[in-house]
Structure formats: structure tokens, C-alpha cells
Amino acid sequence: MKKDNGYGFITPDDGSKDVFFHAQSVVDGIFDELNEGDKITFDVEDGQKGPAATNVRRA
């Protein structure tokens, strides 16, 4: 995660390609509380540069 830049990448459990997410996609404004390895849920939409996670929240 690049907390200073407001984005990160999610590695899906199924081994598929990492998915980009922006701090604004995190529900309840908990972006600064997320850490690598946290279990999360998310939806995927087509972004400008490929798949992007939306509705990111802790599982």
C-alpha cells in the first residue's frame, strides 16, 4: 500500500492478478487503518487503466 499516495493493490485469494484500489473506494473511511495482510471484501469494476476495486471493507 502507498498510504501517502492514497492507493494500494489487493492480492485476491484465488491467485488472480492484483487489483488496484484508491482510498476513496474504502468504505467507512478506514483506509489509514488498513494494513498488508488484512482480510477484506471488495467489488471489481472496469477502471481507466484496468480492473479497480470498489466498496473495499474489512471482512
PDB file of N, CA and C in Angstrom:
ATOM      1  N   MET A   1       0.838  -1.178   0.000  1.00  0.00           N
ATOM      2  CA  MET A   1       0.000   0.000   0.000  1.00  0.00           C
ATOM      3  C   MET A   1       0.880   1.237   0.000  1.00  0.00           C
ATOM      4  N   LYS A   2       0.392   2.238  -0.643  1.00  0.00           N
ATOM      5  CA  LYS A   2       1.063   3.539  -0.680  1.00  0.00           C
ATOM      6  C   LYS A   2       0.170   4.525   0.057  1.00  0.00           C
ATOM      7  N   LYS A   3       0.189   4.447   1.385  1.00  0.00           N
ATOM      8  CA  LYS A   3      -0.722   5.273   2.184  1.00  0.00           C
ATOM      9  C   LYS A   3      -0.535   6.758   1.922  1.00  0.00           C
ATOM     10  N   ASP A   4       0.700   7.188   1.723  1.00  0.00           N
ATOM     11  CA  ASP A   4       0.949   8.610   1.465  1.00  0.00           C
ATOM     12  C   ASP A   4       0.329   9.065   0.146  1.00  0.00           C
ATOM     13  N   ASN A   5       0.192   8.132  -0.791  1.00  0.00           N
ATOM     14  CA  ASN A   5      -0.356   8.464  -2.104  1.00  0.00           C
ATOM     15  C   ASN A   5      -1.834   8.116  -2.227  1.00  0.00           C
ATOM     16  N   GLY A   6      -2.399   7.434  -1.235  1.00  0.00           N
ATOM     17  CA  GLY A   6      -3.824   7.153  -1.225  1.00  0.00           C
ATOM     18  C   GLY A   6      -4.285   6.008  -2.099  1.00  0.00           C
ATOM     19  N   TYR A   7      -3.426   5.016  -2.301  1.00  0.00           N
ATOM     20  CA  TYR A   7      -3.862   3.857  -3.080  1.00  0.00           C
ATOM     21  C   TYR A   7      -3.115   2.609  -2.649  1.00  0.00           C
ATOM     22  N   GLY A   8      -3.556   1.481  -3.191  1.00  0.00           N
ATOM     23  CA  GLY A   8      -2.899   0.222  -2.909  1.00  0.00           C
ATOM     24  C   GLY A   8      -3.324  -0.824  -3.917  1.00  0.00           C
ATOM     25  N   PHE A   9      -2.874  -2.041  -3.703  1.00  0.00           N
ATOM     26  CA  PHE A   9      -3.237  -3.158  -4.562  1.00  0.00           C
ATOM     27  C   PHE A   9      -3.689  -4.311  -3.685  1.00  0.00           C
ATOM     28  N   ILE A  10      -4.712  -5.011  -4.143  1.00  0.00           N
ATOM     29  CA  ILE A  10      -5.266  -6.152  -3.429  1.00  0.00           C
ATOM     30  C   ILE A  10      -4.837  -7.412  -4.166  1.00  0.00           C
ATOM     31  N   THR A  11      -4.314  -8.388  -3.425  1.00  0.00           N
ATOM     32  CA  THR A  11      -3.973  -9.681  -3.996  1.00  0.00           C
ATOM     33  C   THR A  11      -5.109 -10.645  -3.669  1.00  0.00           C
ATOM     34  N   PRO A  12      -5.913 -11.016  -4.661  1.00  0.00           N
ATOM     35  CA  PRO A  12      -7.038 -11.923  -4.412  1.00  0.00           C
ATOM     36  C   PRO A  12      -6.568 -13.296  -3.930  1.00  0.00           C
ATOM     37  N   ASP A  13      -7.380 -13.934  -3.089  1.00  0.00           N
ATOM     38  CA  ASP A  13      -7.049 -15.256  -2.554  1.00  0.00           C
ATOM     39  C   ASP A  13      -6.961 -16.321  -3.643  1.00  0.00           C
ATOM     40  N   ASP A  14      -7.639 -16.104  -4.772  1.00  0.00           N
ATOM     41  CA  ASP A  14      -7.640 -17.114  -5.833  1.00  0.00           C
ATOM     42  C   ASP A  14      -6.388 -17.068  -6.707  1.00  0.00           C
ATOM     43  N   GLY A  15      -5.461 -16.181  -6.371  1.00  0.00           N
ATOM     44  CA  GLY A  15      -4.205 -16.107  -7.106  1.00  0.00           C
ATOM     45  C   GLY A  15      -4.274 -15.304  -8.391  1.00  0.00           C
ATOM     46  N   SER A  16      -5.421 -14.706  -8.671  1.00  0.00           N
ATOM     47  CA  SER A  16      -5.536 -13.892  -9.877  1.00  0.00           C
ATOM     48  C   SER A  16      -4.744 -12.592  -9.713  1.00  0.00           C
ATOM     49  N   LYS A  17      -4.681 -11.839 -10.778  1.00  0.00           N
ATOM     50  CA  LYS A  17      -3.875 -10.612 -10.832  1.00  0.00           C
ATOM     51  C   LYS A  17      -4.298  -9.601  -9.763  1.00  0.00           C
ATOM     52  N   ASP A  18      -3.322  -8.884  -9.207  1.00  0.00           N
ATOM     53  CA  ASP A  18      -3.602  -7.846  -8.209  1.00  0.00           C
ATOM     54  C   ASP A  18      -4.579  -6.815  -8.762  1.00  0.00           C
ATOM     55  N   VAL A  19      -5.397  -6.259  -7.864  1.00  0.00           N
ATOM     56  CA  VAL A  19      -6.415  -5.283  -8.241  1.00  0.00           C
ATOM     57  C   VAL A  19      -6.102  -3.953  -7.562  1.00  0.00           C
ATOM     58  N   PHE A  20      -6.064  -2.883  -8.337  1.00  0.00           N
ATOM     59  CA  PHE A  20      -5.819  -1.536  -7.834  1.00  0.00           C
ATOM     60  C   PHE A  20      -7.003  -1.061  -7.001  1.00  0.00           C
ATOM     61  N   PHE A  21      -6.735  -0.299  -5.943  1.00  0.00           N
ATOM     62  CA  PHE A  21      -7.814   0.400  -5.243  1.00  0.00           C
ATOM     63  C   PHE A  21      -7.324   1.754  -4.763  1.00  0.00           C
ATOM     64  N   HIS A  22      -8.247   2.695  -4.716  1.00  0.00           N
ATOM     65  CA  HIS A  22      -7.965   4.057  -4.274  1.00  0.00           C
ATOM     66  C   HIS A  22      -8.573   4.248  -2.895  1.00  0.00           C
ATOM     67  N   ALA A  23      -8.005   5.131  -2.108  1.00  0.00           N
ATOM     68  CA  ALA A  23      -8.505   5.397  -0.752  1.00  0.00           C
ATOM     69  C   ALA A  23      -9.986   5.749  -0.753  1.00  0.00           C
ATOM     70  N   GLN A  24     -10.460   6.417  -1.798  1.00  0.00           N
ATOM     71  CA  GLN A  24     -11.870   6.792  -1.870  1.00  0.00           C
ATOM     72  C   GLN A  24     -12.788   5.596  -2.077  1.00  0.00           C
ATOM     73  N   SER A  25     -12.225   4.437  -2.437  1.00  0.00           N
ATOM     74  CA  SER A  25     -13.012   3.222  -2.638  1.00  0.00           C
ATOM     75  C   SER A  25     -13.224   2.448  -1.347  1.00  0.00           C
ATOM     76  N   VAL A  26     -12.583   2.893  -0.270  1.00  0.00           N
ATOM     77  CA  VAL A  26     -12.675   2.199   1.014  1.00  0.00           C
ATOM     78  C   VAL A  26     -13.891   2.714   1.782  1.00  0.00           C
ATOM     79  N   VAL A  27     -14.751   1.782   2.180  1.00  0.00           N
ATOM     80  CA  VAL A  27     -15.975   2.117   2.903  1.00  0.00           C
ATOM     81  C   VAL A  27     -15.639   2.545   4.328  1.00  0.00           C
ATOM     82  N   ASP A  28     -16.368   3.484   4.844  1.00  0.00           N
ATOM     83  CA  ASP A  28     -16.239   3.964   6.226  1.00  0.00           C
ATOM     84  C   ASP A  28     -14.938   4.710   6.505  1.00  0.00           C
ATOM     85  N   GLY A  29     -14.217   5.120   5.466  1.00  0.00           N
ATOM     86  CA  GLY A  29     -13.025   5.943   5.650  1.00  0.00           C
ATOM     87  C   GLY A  29     -11.923   5.304   6.467  1.00  0.00           C
ATOM     88  N   ILE A  30     -11.750   3.980   6.350  1.00  0.00           N
ATOM     89  CA  ILE A  30     -10.748   3.285   7.167  1.00  0.00           C
ATOM     90  C   ILE A  30      -9.440   3.035   6.416  1.00  0.00           C
ATOM     91  N   PHE A  31      -9.208   3.735   5.316  1.00  0.00           N
ATOM     92  CA  PHE A  31      -8.004   3.496   4.517  1.00  0.00           C
ATOM     93  C   PHE A  31      -6.742   3.521   5.370  1.00  0.00           C
ATOM     94  N   ASP A  32      -6.606   4.519   6.229  1.00  0.00           N
ATOM     95  CA  ASP A  32      -5.397   4.642   7.058  1.00  0.00           C
ATOM     96  C   ASP A  32      -5.270   3.535   8.093  1.00  0.00           C
ATOM     97  N   GLU A  33      -6.355   2.804   8.357  1.00  0.00           N
ATOM     98  CA  GLU A  33      -6.326   1.712   9.331  1.00  0.00           C
ATOM     99  C   GLU A  33      -6.017   0.364   8.688  1.00  0.00           C
ATOM    100  N   LEU A  34      -6.040   0.290   7.363  1.00  0.00           N
ATOM    101  CA  LEU A  34      -5.762  -0.969   6.677  1.00  0.00           C
ATOM    102  C   LEU A  34      -4.269  -1.257   6.669  1.00  0.00           C
ATOM    103  N   ASN A  35      -3.942  -2.543   6.762  1.00  0.00           N
ATOM    104  CA  ASN A  35      -2.548  -2.976   6.732  1.00  0.00           C
ATOM    105  C   ASN A  35      -2.405  -4.153   5.789  1.00  0.00           C
ATOM    106  N   GLU A  36      -1.215  -4.344   5.260  1.00  0.00           N
ATOM    107  CA  GLU A  36      -0.962  -5.507   4.420  1.00  0.00           C
ATOM    108  C   GLU A  36      -1.315  -6.760   5.200  1.00  0.00           C
ATOM    109  N   GLY A  37      -2.012  -7.680   4.533  1.00  0.00           N
ATOM    110  CA  GLY A  37      -2.403  -8.931   5.158  1.00  0.00           C
ATOM    111  C   GLY A  37      -3.801  -8.916   5.747  1.00  0.00           C
ATOM    112  N   ASP A  38      -4.417  -7.735   5.885  1.00  0.00           N
ATOM    113  CA  ASP A  38      -5.792  -7.668   6.385  1.00  0.00           C
ATOM    114  C   ASP A  38      -6.720  -8.390   5.414  1.00  0.00           C
ATOM    115  N   LYS A  39      -7.692  -9.120   5.947  1.00  0.00           N
ATOM    116  CA  LYS A  39      -8.716  -9.757   5.126  1.00  0.00           C
ATOM    117  C   LYS A  39      -9.775  -8.718   4.806  1.00  0.00           C
ATOM    118  N   ILE A  40     -10.090  -8.590   3.526  1.00  0.00           N
ATOM    119  CA  ILE A  40     -11.066  -7.595   3.100  1.00  0.00           C
ATOM    120  C   ILE A  40     -12.032  -8.207   2.098  1.00  0.00           C
ATOM    121  N   THR A  41     -13.120  -7.501   1.855  1.00  0.00           N
ATOM    122  CA  THR A  41     -14.034  -7.834   0.773  1.00  0.00           C
ATOM    123  C   THR A  41     -14.077  -6.630  -0.157  1.00  0.00           C
ATOM    124  N   PHE A  42     -14.419  -6.877  -1.414  1.00  0.00           N
ATOM    125  CA  PHE A  42     -14.461  -5.784  -2.385  1.00  0.00           C
ATOM    126  C   PHE A  42     -15.207  -6.230  -3.634  1.00  0.00           C
ATOM    127  N   ASP A  43     -15.647  -5.257  -4.410  1.00  0.00           N
ATOM    128  CA  ASP A  43     -16.223  -5.478  -5.731  1.00  0.00           C
ATOM    129  C   ASP A  43     -15.194  -5.006  -6.749  1.00  0.00           C
ATOM    130  N   VAL A  44     -15.340  -5.461  -7.987  1.00  0.00           N
ATOM    131  CA  VAL A  44     -14.412  -5.046  -9.039  1.00  0.00           C
ATOM    132  C   VAL A  44     -15.197  -4.403 -10.179  1.00  0.00           C
ATOM    133  N   GLU A  45     -14.708  -3.258 -10.630  1.00  0.00           N
ATOM    134  CA  GLU A  45     -15.269  -2.559 -11.786  1.00  0.00           C
ATOM    135  C   GLU A  45     -14.150  -2.262 -12.770  1.00  0.00           C
ATOM    136  N   ASP A  46     -14.512  -2.022 -14.011  1.00  0.00           N
ATOM    137  CA  ASP A  46     -13.518  -1.627 -15.005  1.00  0.00           C
ATOM    138  C   ASP A  46     -13.134  -0.179 -14.774  1.00  0.00           C
ATOM    139  N   GLY A  47     -11.858   0.050 -14.478  1.00  0.00           N
ATOM    140  CA  GLY A  47     -11.348   1.401 -14.292  1.00  0.00           C
ATOM    141  C   GLY A  47     -10.689   1.902 -15.568  1.00  0.00           C
ATOM    142  N   GLN A  48     -10.140   3.098 -15.524  1.00  0.00           N
ATOM    143  CA  GLN A  48      -9.486   3.686 -16.694  1.00  0.00           C
ATOM    144  C   GLN A  48      -8.272   2.886 -17.141  1.00  0.00           C
ATOM    145  N   LYS A  49      -7.609   2.241 -16.195  1.00  0.00           N
ATOM    146  CA  LYS A  49      -6.386   1.502 -16.520  1.00  0.00           C
ATOM    147  C   LYS A  49      -6.523   0.017 -16.222  1.00  0.00           C
ATOM    148  N   GLY A  50      -7.744  -0.495 -16.211  1.00  0.00           N
ATOM    149  CA  GLY A  50      -7.970  -1.906 -15.936  1.00  0.00           C
ATOM    150  C   GLY A  50      -8.864  -2.080 -14.728  1.00  0.00           C
ATOM    151  N   PRO A  51      -8.940  -3.303 -14.206  1.00  0.00           N
ATOM    152  CA  PRO A  51      -9.820  -3.575 -13.064  1.00  0.00           C
ATOM    153  C   PRO A  51      -9.455  -2.724 -11.848  1.00  0.00           C
ATOM    154  N   ALA A  52     -10.486  -2.257 -11.142  1.00  0.00           N
ATOM    155  CA  ALA A  52     -10.284  -1.461  -9.928  1.00  0.00           C
ATOM    156  C   ALA A  52     -11.279  -1.923  -8.874  1.00  0.00           C
ATOM    157  N   ALA A  53     -10.821  -2.023  -7.639  1.00  0.00           N
ATOM    158  CA  ALA A  53     -11.680  -2.451  -6.537  1.00  0.00           C
ATOM    159  C   ALA A  53     -12.543  -1.286  -6.059  1.00  0.00           C
ATOM    160  N   THR A  54     -13.786  -1.598  -5.721  1.00  0.00           N
ATOM    161  CA  THR A  54     -14.706  -0.638  -5.127  1.00  0.00           C
ATOM    162  C   THR A  54     -15.319  -1.277  -3.894  1.00  0.00           C
ATOM    163  N   ASN A  55     -15.965  -0.486  -3.071  1.00  0.00           N
ATOM    164  CA  ASN A  55     -16.620  -0.997  -1.854  1.00  0.00           C
ATOM    165  C   ASN A  55     -15.670  -1.848  -1.016  1.00  0.00           C
ATOM    166  N   VAL A  56     -14.442  -1.379  -0.852  1.00  0.00           N
ATOM    167  CA  VAL A  56     -13.427  -2.100  -0.086  1.00  0.00           C
ATOM    168  C   VAL A  56     -13.745  -1.950   1.401  1.00  0.00           C
ATOM    169  N   ARG A  57     -13.806  -3.080   2.093  1.00  0.00           N
ATOM    170  CA  ARG A  57     -14.087  -3.059   3.535  1.00  0.00           C
ATOM    171  C   ARG A  57     -13.438  -4.266   4.202  1.00  0.00           C
ATOM    172  N   ARG A  58     -13.243  -4.170   5.503  1.00  0.00           N
ATOM    173  CA  ARG A  58     -12.703  -5.316   6.250  1.00  0.00           C
ATOM    174  C   ARG A  58     -13.711  -6.453   6.228  1.00  0.00           C
ATOM    175  N   ALA A  59     -13.190  -7.665   6.139  1.00  0.00           N
ATOM    176  CA  ALA A  59     -14.054  -8.855   6.124  1.00  0.00           C
ATOM    177  C   ALA A  59     -14.542  -9.171   7.518  1.00  0.00           C
TER     178      ALA A  59
END
